[in-house]
Amino acid sequence: QVQLVESGGGLVQAGGSLRLSCAASGRTFSSNAMGWFRQAPGKEREFVSAINWNGGRTVYADSVKGRFTISRDNAKNTVYLQMNSLKPEDTAVYSCAASPRPFSSFYYQTEEYNYWGQGTQVTVSS
């Protein structure tokens, strides 16, 4: 059974940092692009960041560029999202996802991904 399990969420004050992890099990994703998305209450799920299969290419939403860093450790089958300078508007449930491709020009679309985690709550207080 393939699973993506996120961890590392929590409550943090504005300006603080969190590091999210997404651990995969059931199969290896070392040849697959991975992405992070988030969904705030009452809003649609939105793209946050993506990374290609070997970590050589990363992309970010404009809203998080310069503050968030995505990385991966294929030996551990894990993807990370380091979030710095957090803002109240970053509050959301963050989910990781796996693509069936090494990378795609459509990395920002949810339809590009075929495996999803359950998500982890990130709450940033002002």
PDB file of N, CA and C in Angstrom:
ATOM      1  N   GLN A   1       0.847  -1.190   0.000  1.00  0.00           N
ATOM      2  CA  GLN A   1       0.000   0.000   0.000  1.00  0.00           C
ATOM      3  C   GLN A   1       0.887   1.246   0.000  1.00  0.00           C
ATOM      4  N   VAL A   2       0.670   2.098  -0.986  1.00  0.00           N
ATOM      5  CA  VAL A   2       1.465   3.314  -1.090  1.00  0.00           C
ATOM      6  C   VAL A   2       0.897   4.372  -0.159  1.00  0.00           C
ATOM      7  N   GLN A   3       1.786   4.983   0.609  1.00  0.00           N
ATOM      8  CA  GLN A   3       1.362   6.042   1.522  1.00  0.00           C
ATOM      9  C   GLN A   3       2.342   7.196   1.492  1.00  0.00           C
ATOM     10  N   LEU A   4       1.785   8.390   1.589  1.00  0.00           N
ATOM     11  CA  LEU A   4       2.570   9.600   1.821  1.00  0.00           C
ATOM     12  C   LEU A   4       2.092  10.165   3.150  1.00  0.00           C
ATOM     13  N   VAL A   5       3.007  10.335   4.068  1.00  0.00           N
ATOM     14  CA  VAL A   5       2.632  10.798   5.407  1.00  0.00           C
ATOM     15  C   VAL A   5       3.404  12.069   5.734  1.00  0.00           C
ATOM     16  N   GLU A   6       2.651  13.138   5.938  1.00  0.00           N
ATOM     17  CA  GLU A   6       3.259  14.415   6.291  1.00  0.00           C
ATOM     18  C   GLU A   6       3.396  14.545   7.808  1.00  0.00           C
ATOM     19  N   SER A   7       4.401  15.288   8.215  1.00  0.00           N
ATOM     20  CA  SER A   7       4.601  15.596   9.631  1.00  0.00           C
ATOM     21  C   SER A   7       5.321  16.932   9.740  1.00  0.00           C
ATOM     22  N   GLY A   8       5.340  17.463  10.954  1.00  0.00           N
ATOM     23  CA  GLY A   8       6.073  18.698  11.196  1.00  0.00           C
ATOM     24  C   GLY A   8       5.229  19.944  11.307  1.00  0.00           C
ATOM     25  N   GLY A   9       3.940  19.811  11.074  1.00  0.00           N
ATOM     26  CA  GLY A   9       3.079  20.975  11.204  1.00  0.00           C
ATOM     27  C   GLY A   9       2.888  21.357  12.663  1.00  0.00           C
ATOM     28  N   GLY A  10       2.236  22.495  12.863  1.00  0.00           N
ATOM     29  CA  GLY A  10       1.991  22.938  14.225  1.00  0.00           C
ATOM     30  C   GLY A  10       1.622  24.399  14.269  1.00  0.00           C
ATOM     31  N   LEU A  11       1.661  24.944  15.473  1.00  0.00           N
ATOM     32  CA  LEU A  11       1.337  26.353  15.710  1.00  0.00           C
ATOM     33  C   LEU A  11       2.635  27.122  15.912  1.00  0.00           C
ATOM     34  N   VAL A  12       2.778  28.212  15.190  1.00  0.00           N
ATOM     35  CA  VAL A  12       3.986  29.015  15.276  1.00  0.00           C
ATOM     36  C   VAL A  12       3.611  30.489  15.166  1.00  0.00           C
ATOM     37  N   GLN A  13       4.397  31.335  15.769  1.00  0.00           N
ATOM     38  CA  GLN A  13       4.153  32.769  15.663  1.00  0.00           C
ATOM     39  C   GLN A  13       4.664  33.297  14.326  1.00  0.00           C
ATOM     40  N   ALA A  14       4.085  34.386  13.909  1.00  0.00           N
ATOM     41  CA  ALA A  14       4.541  35.029  12.681  1.00  0.00           C
ATOM     42  C   ALA A  14       6.032  35.321  12.775  1.00  0.00           C
ATOM     43  N   GLY A  15       6.732  35.047  11.681  1.00  0.00           N
ATOM     44  CA  GLY A  15       8.173  35.207  11.653  1.00  0.00           C
ATOM     45  C   GLY A  15       8.937  33.942  12.008  1.00  0.00           C
ATOM     46  N   GLY A  16       8.226  32.955  12.505  1.00  0.00           N
ATOM     47  CA  GLY A  16       8.850  31.702  12.896  1.00  0.00           C
ATOM     48  C   GLY A  16       9.063  30.757  11.729  1.00  0.00           C
ATOM     49  N   SER A  17       9.542  29.561  12.070  1.00  0.00           N
ATOM     50  CA  SER A  17       9.877  28.562  11.050  1.00  0.00           C
ATOM     51  C   SER A  17       9.299  27.203  11.416  1.00  0.00           C
ATOM     52  N   LEU A  18       9.043  26.427  10.400  1.00  0.00           N
ATOM     53  CA  LEU A  18       8.662  25.031  10.541  1.00  0.00           C
ATOM     54  C   LEU A  18       9.292  24.246   9.410  1.00  0.00           C
ATOM     55  N   ARG A  19       9.541  22.972   9.661  1.00  0.00           N
ATOM     56  CA  ARG A  19      10.031  22.087   8.621  1.00  0.00           C
ATOM     57  C   ARG A  19       9.070  20.920   8.475  1.00  0.00           C
ATOM     58  N   LEU A  20       8.450  20.840   7.327  1.00  0.00           N
ATOM     59  CA  LEU A  20       7.534  19.742   7.046  1.00  0.00           C
ATOM     60  C   LEU A  20       8.290  18.593   6.390  1.00  0.00           C
ATOM     61  N   SER A  21       7.861  17.390   6.705  1.00  0.00           N
ATOM     62  CA  SER A  21       8.412  16.201   6.081  1.00  0.00           C
ATOM     63  C   SER A  21       7.287  15.412   5.429  1.00  0.00           C
ATOM     64  N   CYS A  22       7.618  14.733   4.356  1.00  0.00           N
ATOM     65  CA  CYS A  22       6.673  13.858   3.672  1.00  0.00           C
ATOM     66  C   CYS A  22       7.392  12.544   3.425  1.00  0.00           C
ATOM     67  N   ALA A  23       7.030  11.543   4.208  1.00  0.00           N
ATOM     68  CA  ALA A  23       7.666  10.237   4.102  1.00  0.00           C
ATOM     69  C   ALA A  23       6.808   9.307   3.270  1.00  0.00           C
ATOM     70  N   ALA A  24       7.422   8.707   2.279  1.00  0.00           N
ATOM     71  CA  ALA A  24       6.707   7.785   1.402  1.00  0.00           C
ATOM     72  C   ALA A  24       7.011   6.346   1.791  1.00  0.00           C
ATOM     73  N   SER A  25       6.022   5.509   1.649  1.00  0.00           N
ATOM     74  CA  SER A  25       6.199   4.083   1.903  1.00  0.00           C
ATOM     75  C   SER A  25       5.399   3.301   0.889  1.00  0.00           C
ATOM     76  N   GLY A  26       5.744   2.039   0.728  1.00  0.00           N
ATOM     77  CA  GLY A  26       5.024   1.182  -0.205  1.00  0.00           C
ATOM     78  C   GLY A  26       5.677   1.097  -1.574  1.00  0.00           C
ATOM     79  N   ARG A  27       6.451   2.094  -1.929  1.00  0.00           N
ATOM     80  CA  ARG A  27       7.221   2.105  -3.167  1.00  0.00           C
ATOM     81  C   ARG A  27       8.186   3.274  -3.094  1.00  0.00           C
ATOM     82  N   THR A  28       9.177   3.234  -3.958  1.00  0.00           N
ATOM     83  CA  THR A  28      10.120   4.328  -4.004  1.00  0.00           C
ATOM     84  C   THR A  28       9.651   5.402  -4.988  1.00  0.00           C
ATOM     85  N   PHE A  29       9.906   6.670  -4.626  1.00  0.00           N
ATOM     86  CA  PHE A  29       9.555   7.788  -5.489  1.00  0.00           C
ATOM     87  C   PHE A  29      10.800   8.515  -5.973  1.00  0.00           C
ATOM     88  N   SER A  30      11.920   7.822  -5.997  1.00  0.00           N
ATOM     89  CA  SER A  30      13.175   8.465  -6.376  1.00  0.00           C
ATOM     90  C   SER A  30      13.206   8.887  -7.837  1.00  0.00           C
ATOM     91  N   SER A  31      12.295   8.391  -8.653  1.00  0.00           N
ATOM     92  CA  SER A  31      12.228   8.774 -10.066  1.00  0.00           C
ATOM     93  C   SER A  31      11.067   9.702 -10.359  1.00  0.00           C
ATOM     94  N   ASN A  32      10.441  10.217  -9.315  1.00  0.00           N
ATOM     95  CA  ASN A  32       9.210  10.978  -9.469  1.00  0.00           C
ATOM     96  C   ASN A  32       9.348  12.393  -8.921  1.00  0.00           C
ATOM     97  N   ALA A  33       8.730  13.319  -9.624  1.00  0.00           N
ATOM     98  CA  ALA A  33       8.614  14.657  -9.079  1.00  0.00           C
ATOM     99  C   ALA A  33       7.668  14.637  -7.882  1.00  0.00           C
ATOM    100  N   MET A  34       7.897  15.549  -6.954  1.00  0.00           N
ATOM    101  CA  MET A  34       7.067  15.659  -5.765  1.00  0.00           C
ATOM    102  C   MET A  34       6.640  17.113  -5.601  1.00  0.00           C
ATOM    103  N   GLY A  35       5.492  17.290  -4.995  1.00  0.00           N
ATOM    104  CA  GLY A  35       4.995  18.641  -4.813  1.00  0.00           C
ATOM    105  C   GLY A  35       4.382  18.847  -3.436  1.00  0.00           C
ATOM    106  N   TRP A  36       4.299  20.110  -3.062  1.00  0.00           N
ATOM    107  CA  TRP A  36       3.581  20.510  -1.845  1.00  0.00           C
ATOM    108  C   TRP A  36       2.454  21.461  -2.267  1.00  0.00           C
ATOM    109  N   PHE A  37       1.308  21.217  -1.687  1.00  0.00           N
ATOM    110  CA  PHE A  37       0.151  22.070  -1.899  1.00  0.00           C
ATOM    111  C   PHE A  37      -0.410  22.452  -0.529  1.00  0.00           C
ATOM    112  N   ARG A  38      -1.244  23.479  -0.512  1.00  0.00           N
ATOM    113  CA  ARG A  38      -1.884  23.850   0.753  1.00  0.00           C
ATOM    114  C   ARG A  38      -3.323  24.290   0.496  1.00  0.00           C
ATOM    115  N   GLN A  39      -4.122  24.137   1.530  1.00  0.00           N
ATOM    116  CA  GLN A  39      -5.520  24.541   1.438  1.00  0.00           C
ATOM    117  C   GLN A  39      -5.934  25.210   2.736  1.00  0.00           C
ATOM    118  N   ALA A  40      -6.323  26.452   2.612  1.00  0.00           N
ATOM    119  CA  ALA A  40      -6.806  27.215   3.754  1.00  0.00           C
ATOM    120  C   ALA A  40      -8.324  27.066   3.835  1.00  0.00           C
ATOM    121  N   PRO A  41      -8.909  27.282   4.999  1.00  0.00           N
ATOM    122  CA  PRO A  41     -10.357  27.154   5.150  1.00  0.00           C
ATOM    123  C   PRO A  41     -11.109  28.045   4.163  1.00  0.00           C
ATOM    124  N   GLY A  42     -12.060  27.449   3.460  1.00  0.00           N
ATOM    125  CA  GLY A  42     -12.858  28.215   2.527  1.00  0.00           C
ATOM    126  C   GLY A  42     -12.185  28.540   1.215  1.00  0.00           C
ATOM    127  N   LYS A  43     -10.983  28.028   1.020  1.00  0.00           N
ATOM    128  CA  LYS A  43     -10.248  28.328  -0.214  1.00  0.00           C
ATOM    129  C   LYS A  43      -9.910  27.051  -0.956  1.00  0.00           C
ATOM    130  N   GLU A  44      -9.587  27.203  -2.216  1.00  0.00           N
ATOM    131  CA  GLU A  44      -9.180  26.054  -3.012  1.00  0.00           C
ATOM    132  C   GLU A  44      -7.737  25.669  -2.697  1.00  0.00           C
ATOM    133  N   ARG A  45      -7.448  24.431  -2.971  1.00  0.00           N
ATOM    134  CA  ARG A  45      -6.065  23.957  -2.806  1.00  0.00           C
ATOM    135  C   ARG A  45      -5.171  24.719  -3.765  1.00  0.00           C
ATOM    136  N   GLU A  46      -4.010  25.138  -3.277  1.00  0.00           N
ATOM    137  CA  GLU A  46      -3.097  25.895  -4.131  1.00  0.00           C
ATOM    138  C   GLU A  46      -1.692  25.302  -4.093  1.00  0.00           C
ATOM    139  N   PHE A  47      -1.019  25.481  -5.211  1.00  0.00           N
ATOM    140  CA  PHE A  47       0.347  25.002  -5.345  1.00  0.00           C
ATOM    141  C   PHE A  47       1.278  25.808  -4.465  1.00  0.00           C
ATOM    142  N   VAL A  48       2.241  25.123  -3.851  1.00  0.00           N
ATOM    143  CA  VAL A  48       3.256  25.775  -3.032  1.00  0.00           C
ATOM    144  C   VAL A  48       4.643  25.608  -3.646  1.00  0.00           C
ATOM    145  N   SER A  49       5.023  24.351  -3.906  1.00  0.00           N
ATOM    146  CA  SER A  49       6.372  24.105  -4.394  1.00  0.00           C
ATOM    147  C   SER A  49       6.440  22.718  -5.008  1.00  0.00           C
ATOM    148  N   ALA A  50       7.417  22.521  -5.874  1.00  0.00           N
ATOM    149  CA  ALA A  50       7.638  21.204  -6.476  1.00  0.00           C
ATOM    150  C   ALA A  50       9.129  20.999  -6.699  1.00  0.00           C
ATOM    151  N   ILE A  51       9.498  19.735  -6.783  1.00  0.00           N
ATOM    152  CA  ILE A  51      10.895  19.370  -6.972  1.00  0.00           C
ATOM    153  C   ILE A  51      10.967  18.202  -7.946  1.00  0.00           C
ATOM    154  N   ASN A  52      11.952  18.227  -8.816  1.00  0.00           N
ATOM    155  CA  ASN A  52      12.051  17.144  -9.788  1.00  0.00           C
ATOM    156  C   ASN A  52      12.666  15.908  -9.133  1.00  0.00           C
ATOM    157  N   TRP A  53      12.844  14.870  -9.904  1.00  0.00           N
ATOM    158  CA  TRP A  53      13.178  13.566  -9.346  1.00  0.00           C
ATOM    159  C   TRP A  53      14.506  13.539  -8.575  1.00  0.00           C
ATOM    160  N   ASN A  54      15.488  14.335  -9.022  1.00  0.00           N
ATOM    161  CA  ASN A  54      16.798  14.273  -8.365  1.00  0.00           C
ATOM    162  C   ASN A  54      17.119  15.530  -7.562  1.00  0.00           C
ATOM    163  N   GLY A  55      16.142  16.420  -7.427  1.00  0.00           N
ATOM    164  CA  GLY A  55      16.369  17.634  -6.664  1.00  0.00           C
ATOM    165  C   GLY A  55      17.067  18.730  -7.423  1.00  0.00           C
ATOM    166  N   GLY A  56      17.330  18.517  -8.694  1.00  0.00           N
ATOM    167  CA  GLY A  56      18.060  19.492  -9.475  1.00  0.00           C
ATOM    168  C   GLY A  56      17.239  20.668  -9.943  1.00  0.00           C
ATOM    169  N   ARG A  57      15.932  20.542  -9.838  1.00  0.00           N
ATOM    170  CA  ARG A  57      15.065  21.643 -10.232  1.00  0.00           C
ATOM    171  C   ARG A  57      13.966  21.813  -9.198  1.00  0.00           C
ATOM    172  N   THR A  58      13.780  23.041  -8.778  1.00  0.00           N
ATOM    173  CA  THR A  58      12.731  23.364  -7.816  1.00  0.00           C
ATOM    174  C   THR A  58      11.950  24.573  -8.313  1.00  0.00           C
ATOM    175  N   VAL A  59      10.682  24.597  -7.974  1.00  0.00           N
ATOM    176  CA  VAL A  59       9.826  25.721  -8.347  1.00  0.00           C
ATOM    177  C   VAL A  59       8.966  26.098  -7.149  1.00  0.00           C
ATOM    178  N   TYR A  60       8.589  27.379  -7.111  1.00  0.00           N
ATOM    179  CA  TYR A  60       7.828  27.889  -5.974  1.00  0.00           C
ATOM    180  C   TYR A  60       6.715  28.820  -6.435  1.00  0.00           C
ATOM    181  N   ALA A  61       5.668  28.842  -5.661  1.00  0.00           N
ATOM    182  CA  ALA A  61       4.643  29.857  -5.851  1.00  0.00           C
ATOM    183  C   ALA A  61       5.246  31.209  -5.481  1.00  0.00           C
ATOM    184  N   ASP A  62       4.778  32.252  -6.133  1.00  0.00           N
ATOM    185  CA  ASP A  62       5.321  33.583  -5.846  1.00  0.00           C
ATOM    186  C   ASP A  62       5.136  33.963  -4.381  1.00  0.00           C
ATOM    187  N   SER A  63       4.060  33.484  -3.788  1.00  0.00           N
ATOM    188  CA  SER A  63       3.743  33.858  -2.414  1.00  0.00           C
ATOM    189  C   SER A  63       4.719  33.302  -1.393  1.00  0.00           C
ATOM    190  N   VAL A  64       5.488  32.276  -1.757  1.00  0.00           N
ATOM    191  CA  VAL A  64       6.419  31.669  -0.806  1.00  0.00           C
ATOM    192  C   VAL A  64       7.872  31.768  -1.246  1.00  0.00           C
ATOM    193  N   LYS A  65       8.087  32.275  -2.439  1.00  0.00           N
ATOM    194  CA  LYS A  65       9.446  32.351  -2.982  1.00  0.00           C
ATOM    195  C   LYS A  65      10.328  33.180  -2.069  1.00  0.00           C
ATOM    196  N   GLY A  66      11.502  32.662  -1.776  1.00  0.00           N
ATOM    197  CA  GLY A  66      12.430  33.348  -0.896  1.00  0.00           C
ATOM    198  C   GLY A  66      12.246  33.020   0.567  1.00  0.00           C
ATOM    199  N   ARG A  67      11.134  32.389   0.913  1.00  0.00           N
ATOM    200  CA  ARG A  67      10.873  32.025   2.309  1.00  0.00           C
ATOM    201  C   ARG A  67      10.841  30.512   2.516  1.00  0.00           C
ATOM    202  N   PHE A  68      10.373  29.776   1.525  1.00  0.00           N
ATOM    203  CA  PHE A  68      10.263  28.320   1.622  1.00  0.00           C
ATOM    204  C   PHE A  68      11.334  27.662   0.761  1.00  0.00           C
ATOM    205  N   THR A  69      11.779  26.490   1.212  1.00  0.00           N
ATOM    206  CA  THR A  69      12.750  25.704   0.451  1.00  0.00           C
ATOM    207  C   THR A  69      12.316  24.249   0.435  1.00  0.00           C
ATOM    208  N   ILE A  70      12.198  23.708  -0.761  1.00  0.00           N
ATOM    209  CA  ILE A  70      11.851  22.293  -0.905  1.00  0.00           C
ATOM    210  C   ILE A  70      13.129  21.504  -1.151  1.00  0.00           C
ATOM    211  N   SER A  71      13.178  20.306  -0.610  1.00  0.00           N
ATOM    212  CA  SER A  71      14.334  19.436  -0.821  1.00  0.00           C
ATOM    213  C   SER A  71      13.873  17.994  -0.702  1.00  0.00           C
ATOM    214  N   ARG A  72      14.755  17.078  -1.059  1.00  0.00           N
ATOM    215  CA  ARG A  72      14.401  15.666  -0.968  1.00  0.00           C
ATOM    216  C   ARG A  72      15.625  14.843  -0.644  1.00  0.00           C
ATOM    217  N   ASP A  73      15.366  13.712  -0.014  1.00  0.00           N
ATOM    218  CA  ASP A  73      16.394  12.724   0.286  1.00  0.00           C
ATOM    219  C   ASP A  73      15.875  11.398  -0.263  1.00  0.00           C
ATOM    220  N   ASN A  74      16.326  11.048  -1.437  1.00  0.00           N
ATOM    221  CA  ASN A  74      15.800   9.843  -2.078  1.00  0.00           C
ATOM    222  C   ASN A  74      16.194   8.569  -1.331  1.00  0.00           C
ATOM    223  N   ALA A  75      17.294   8.607  -0.622  1.00  0.00           N
ATOM    224  CA  ALA A  75      17.689   7.445   0.170  1.00  0.00           C
ATOM    225  C   ALA A  75      16.677   7.173   1.283  1.00  0.00           C
ATOM    226  N   LYS A  76      16.035   8.248   1.758  1.00  0.00           N
ATOM    227  CA  LYS A  76      15.035   8.121   2.817  1.00  0.00           C
ATOM    228  C   LYS A  76      13.615   8.165   2.262  1.00  0.00           C
ATOM    229  N   ASN A  77      13.488   8.327   0.944  1.00  0.00           N
ATOM    230  CA  ASN A  77      12.163   8.390   0.330  1.00  0.00           C
ATOM    231  C   ASN A  77      11.319   9.499   0.971  1.00  0.00           C
ATOM    232  N   THR A  78      11.955  10.631   1.206  1.00  0.00           N
ATOM    233  CA  THR A  78      11.327  11.719   1.958  1.00  0.00           C
ATOM    234  C   THR A  78      11.562  13.054   1.256  1.00  0.00           C
ATOM    235  N   VAL A  79      10.532  13.876   1.294  1.00  0.00           N
ATOM    236  CA  VAL A  79      10.605  15.234   0.775  1.00  0.00           C
ATOM    237  C   VAL A  79      10.362  16.194   1.933  1.00  0.00           C
ATOM    238  N   TYR A  80      11.022  17.335   1.884  1.00  0.00           N
ATOM    239  CA  TYR A  80      10.926  18.316   2.959  1.00  0.00           C
ATOM    240  C   TYR A  80      10.464  19.665   2.428  1.00  0.00           C
ATOM    241  N   LEU A  81       9.885  20.432   3.321  1.00  0.00           N
ATOM    242  CA  LEU A  81       9.551  21.819   3.012  1.00  0.00           C
ATOM    243  C   LEU A  81       9.961  22.659   4.218  1.00  0.00           C
ATOM    244  N   GLN A  82      11.048  23.387   4.059  1.00  0.00           N
ATOM    245  CA  GLN A  82      11.499  24.298   5.102  1.00  0.00           C
ATOM    246  C   GLN A  82      10.780  25.620   4.919  1.00  0.00           C
ATOM    247  N   MET A  83      10.078  26.049   5.952  1.00  0.00           N
ATOM    248  CA  MET A  83       9.277  27.268   5.857  1.00  0.00           C
ATOM    249  C   MET A  83       9.800  28.277   6.872  1.00  0.00           C
ATOM    250  N   ASN A  84      10.311  29.374   6.367  1.00  0.00           N
ATOM    251  CA  ASN A  84      10.840  30.447   7.208  1.00  0.00           C
ATOM    252  C   ASN A  84      10.006  31.710   7.050  1.00  0.00           C
ATOM    253  N   SER A  85      10.172  32.628   7.964  1.00  0.00           N
ATOM    254  CA  SER A  85       9.463  33.914   7.917  1.00  0.00           C
ATOM    255  C   SER A  85       7.975  33.710   7.686  1.00  0.00           C
ATOM    256  N   LEU A  86       7.399  32.812   8.442  1.00  0.00           N
ATOM    257  CA  LEU A  86       6.004  32.467   8.243  1.00  0.00           C
ATOM    258  C   LEU A  86       5.082  33.644   8.545  1.00  0.00           C
ATOM    259  N   LYS A  87       4.006  33.690   7.782  1.00  0.00           N
ATOM    260  CA  LYS A  87       3.014  34.749   7.900  1.00  0.00           C
ATOM    261  C   LYS A  87       1.654  34.127   8.242  1.00  0.00           C
ATOM    262  N   PRO A  88       0.761  34.899   8.843  1.00  0.00           N
ATOM    263  CA  PRO A  88      -0.573  34.354   9.130  1.00  0.00           C
ATOM    264  C   PRO A  88      -1.268  33.805   7.880  1.00  0.00           C
ATOM    265  N   GLU A  89      -1.022  34.405   6.741  1.00  0.00           N
ATOM    266  CA  GLU A  89      -1.651  33.915   5.513  1.00  0.00           C
ATOM    267  C   GLU A  89      -1.093  32.585   5.024  1.00  0.00           C
ATOM    268  N   ASP A  90      -0.055  32.093   5.665  1.00  0.00           N
ATOM    269  CA  ASP A  90       0.457  30.755   5.351  1.00  0.00           C
ATOM    270  C   ASP A  90      -0.334  29.666   6.072  1.00  0.00           C
ATOM    271  N   THR A  91      -1.229  30.057   6.942  1.00  0.00           N
ATOM    272  CA  THR A  91      -2.042  29.085   7.672  1.00  0.00           C
ATOM    273  C   THR A  91      -2.877  28.248   6.712  1.00  0.00           C
ATOM    274  N   ALA A  92      -2.723  26.928   6.806  1.00  0.00           N
ATOM    275  CA  ALA A  92      -3.414  26.012   5.902  1.00  0.00           C
ATOM    276  C   ALA A  92      -3.057  24.577   6.272  1.00  0.00           C
ATOM    277  N   VAL A  93      -3.750  23.655   5.640  1.00  0.00           N
ATOM    278  CA  VAL A  93      -3.347  22.259   5.677  1.00  0.00           C
ATOM    279  C   VAL A  93      -2.407  22.033   4.499  1.00  0.00           C
ATOM    280  N   TYR A  94      -1.209  21.543   4.805  1.00  0.00           N
ATOM    281  CA  TYR A  94      -0.198  21.314   3.785  1.00  0.00           C
ATOM    282  C   TYR A  94      -0.146  19.829   3.449  1.00  0.00           C
ATOM    283  N   SER A  95      -0.212  19.556   2.145  1.00  0.00           N
ATOM    284  CA  SER A  95      -0.200  18.173   1.676  1.00  0.00           C
ATOM    285  C   SER A  95       0.911  17.976   0.663  1.00  0.00           C
ATOM    286  N   CYS A  96       1.527  16.817   0.724  1.00  0.00           N
ATOM    287  CA  CYS A  96       2.505  16.479  -0.301  1.00  0.00           C
ATOM    288  C   CYS A  96       1.861  15.551  -1.327  1.00  0.00           C
ATOM    289  N   ALA A  97       2.455  15.516  -2.499  1.00  0.00           N
ATOM    290  CA  ALA A  97       1.912  14.715  -3.582  1.00  0.00           C
ATOM    291  C   ALA A  97       3.037  14.205  -4.464  1.00  0.00           C
ATOM    292  N   ALA A  98       2.798  13.063  -5.084  1.00  0.00           N
ATOM    293  CA  ALA A  98       3.785  12.458  -5.970  1.00  0.00           C
ATOM    294  C   ALA A  98       3.249  12.406  -7.387  1.00  0.00           C
ATOM    295  N   SER A  99       4.109  12.765  -8.322  1.00  0.00           N
ATOM    296  CA  SER A  99       3.765  12.724  -9.737  1.00  0.00           C
ATOM    297  C   SER A  99       4.239  11.408 -10.341  1.00  0.00           C
ATOM    298  N   PRO A 100       3.571  10.925 -11.377  1.00  0.00           N
ATOM    299  CA  PRO A 100       4.069   9.718 -12.052  1.00  0.00           C
ATOM    300  C   PRO A 100       5.259  10.013 -12.969  1.00  0.00           C
ATOM    301  N   ARG A 101       5.628  11.277 -13.099  1.00  0.00           N
ATOM    302  CA  ARG A 101       6.707  11.691 -14.010  1.00  0.00           C
ATOM    303  C   ARG A 101       7.898  12.285 -13.255  1.00  0.00           C
ATOM    304  N   PRO A 102       9.083  12.244 -13.877  1.00  0.00           N
ATOM    305  CA  PRO A 102      10.267  12.853 -13.232  1.00  0.00           C
ATOM    306  C   PRO A 102      10.118  14.344 -13.016  1.00  0.00           C
ATOM    307  N   PHE A 103       9.391  14.977 -13.943  1.00  0.00           N
ATOM    308  CA  PHE A 103       9.051  16.381 -13.825  1.00  0.00           C
ATOM    309  C   PHE A 103       8.079  16.714 -14.935  1.00  0.00           C
ATOM    310  N   SER A 104       7.341  17.786 -14.750  1.00  0.00           N
ATOM    311  CA  SER A 104       6.357  18.188 -15.736  1.00  0.00           C
ATOM    312  C   SER A 104       6.212  19.697 -15.726  1.00  0.00           C
ATOM    313  N   SER A 105       5.889  20.218 -16.857  1.00  0.00           N
ATOM    314  CA  SER A 105       5.614  21.654 -16.946  1.00  0.00           C
ATOM    315  C   SER A 105       4.322  22.015 -16.216  1.00  0.00           C
ATOM    316  N   PHE A 106       3.540  21.020 -15.885  1.00  0.00           N
ATOM    317  CA  PHE A 106       2.260  21.251 -15.209  1.00  0.00           C
ATOM    318  C   PHE A 106       2.362  20.966 -13.718  1.00  0.00           C
ATOM    319  N   TYR A 107       3.511  21.200 -13.142  1.00  0.00           N
ATOM    320  CA  TYR A 107       3.765  20.880 -11.740  1.00  0.00           C
ATOM    321  C   TYR A 107       2.812  21.614 -10.796  1.00  0.00           C
ATOM    322  N   TYR A 108       2.235  22.731 -11.248  1.00  0.00           N
ATOM    323  CA  TYR A 108       1.380  23.550 -10.392  1.00  0.00           C
ATOM    324  C   TYR A 108      -0.064  23.057 -10.363  1.00  0.00           C
ATOM    325  N   GLN A 109      -0.376  22.065 -11.168  1.00  0.00           N
ATOM    326  CA  GLN A 109      -1.735  21.553 -11.252  1.00  0.00           C
ATOM    327  C   GLN A 109      -1.903  20.293 -10.405  1.00  0.00           C
ATOM    328  N   THR A 110      -2.993  20.217  -9.661  1.00  0.00           N
ATOM    329  CA  THR A 110      -3.228  19.041  -8.833  1.00  0.00           C
ATOM    330  C   THR A 110      -3.382  17.787  -9.680  1.00  0.00           C
ATOM    331  N   GLU A 111      -3.871  17.948 -10.912  1.00  0.00           N
ATOM    332  CA  GLU A 111      -4.094  16.788 -11.770  1.00  0.00           C
ATOM    333  C   GLU A 111      -2.791  16.096 -12.180  1.00  0.00           C
ATOM    334  N   GLU A 112      -1.666  16.788 -11.977  1.00  0.00           N
ATOM    335  CA  GLU A 112      -0.379  16.225 -12.341  1.00  0.00           C
ATOM    336  C   GLU A 112       0.045  15.115 -11.371  1.00  0.00           C
ATOM    337  N   TYR A 113      -0.558  15.056 -10.211  1.00  0.00           N
ATOM    338  CA  TYR A 113      -0.119  14.163  -9.146  1.00  0.00           C
ATOM    339  C   TYR A 113      -1.124  13.035  -8.931  1.00  0.00           C
ATOM    340  N   ASN A 114      -0.621  11.843  -8.678  1.00  0.00           N
ATOM    341  CA  ASN A 114      -1.529  10.710  -8.513  1.00  0.00           C
ATOM    342  C   ASN A 114      -1.480  10.069  -7.133  1.00  0.00           C
ATOM    343  N   TYR A 115      -0.603  10.542  -6.279  1.00  0.00           N
ATOM    344  CA  TYR A 115      -0.601  10.094  -4.882  1.00  0.00           C
ATOM    345  C   TYR A 115      -0.584  11.325  -3.991  1.00  0.00           C
ATOM    346  N   TRP A 116      -1.378  11.262  -2.942  1.00  0.00           N
ATOM    347  CA  TRP A 116      -1.508  12.396  -2.023  1.00  0.00           C
ATOM    348  C   TRP A 116      -1.442  11.928  -0.577  1.00  0.00           C
ATOM    349  N   GLY A 117      -0.852  12.775   0.253  1.00  0.00           N
ATOM    350  CA  GLY A 117      -0.901  12.533   1.682  1.00  0.00           C
ATOM    351  C   GLY A 117      -2.147  13.150   2.289  1.00  0.00           C
ATOM    352  N   GLN A 118      -2.344  12.906   3.565  1.00  0.00           N
ATOM    353  CA  GLN A 118      -3.528  13.401   4.261  1.00  0.00           C
ATOM    354  C   GLN A 118      -3.393  14.856   4.685  1.00  0.00           C
ATOM    355  N   GLY A 119      -2.172  15.302   4.799  1.00  0.00           N
ATOM    356  CA  GLY A 119      -1.945  16.702   5.144  1.00  0.00           C
ATOM    357  C   GLY A 119      -1.575  16.908   6.605  1.00  0.00           C
ATOM    358  N   THR A 120      -0.932  18.038   6.850  1.00  0.00           N
ATOM    359  CA  THR A 120      -0.570  18.435   8.202  1.00  0.00           C
ATOM    360  C   THR A 120      -0.928  19.905   8.376  1.00  0.00           C
ATOM    361  N   GLN A 121      -1.501  20.230   9.528  1.00  0.00           N
ATOM    362  CA  GLN A 121      -1.984  21.586   9.767  1.00  0.00           C
ATOM    363  C   GLN A 121      -0.834  22.508  10.157  1.00  0.00           C
ATOM    364  N   VAL A 122      -0.778  23.641   9.507  1.00  0.00           N
ATOM    365  CA  VAL A 122       0.158  24.701   9.871  1.00  0.00           C
ATOM    366  C   VAL A 122      -0.664  25.933  10.240  1.00  0.00           C
ATOM    367  N   THR A 123      -0.456  26.423  11.437  1.00  0.00           N
ATOM    368  CA  THR A 123      -1.172  27.604  11.906  1.00  0.00           C
ATOM    369  C   THR A 123      -0.158  28.656  12.341  1.00  0.00           C
ATOM    370  N   VAL A 124      -0.260  29.835  11.751  1.00  0.00           N
ATOM    371  CA  VAL A 124       0.658  30.925  12.057  1.00  0.00           C
ATOM    372  C   VAL A 124      -0.143  32.032  12.735  1.00  0.00           C
ATOM    373  N   SER A 125       0.223  32.326  13.958  1.00  0.00           N
ATOM    374  CA  SER A 125      -0.485  33.370  14.712  1.00  0.00           C
ATOM    375  C   SER A 125       0.202  34.716  14.523  1.00  0.00           C
ATOM    376  N   SER A 126      -0.605  35.763  14.592  1.00  0.00           N
ATOM    377  CA  SER A 126      -0.059  37.115  14.386  1.00  0.00           C
ATOM    378  C   SER A 126       0.380  37.742  15.690  1.00  0.00           C
TER     379      SER A 126
END
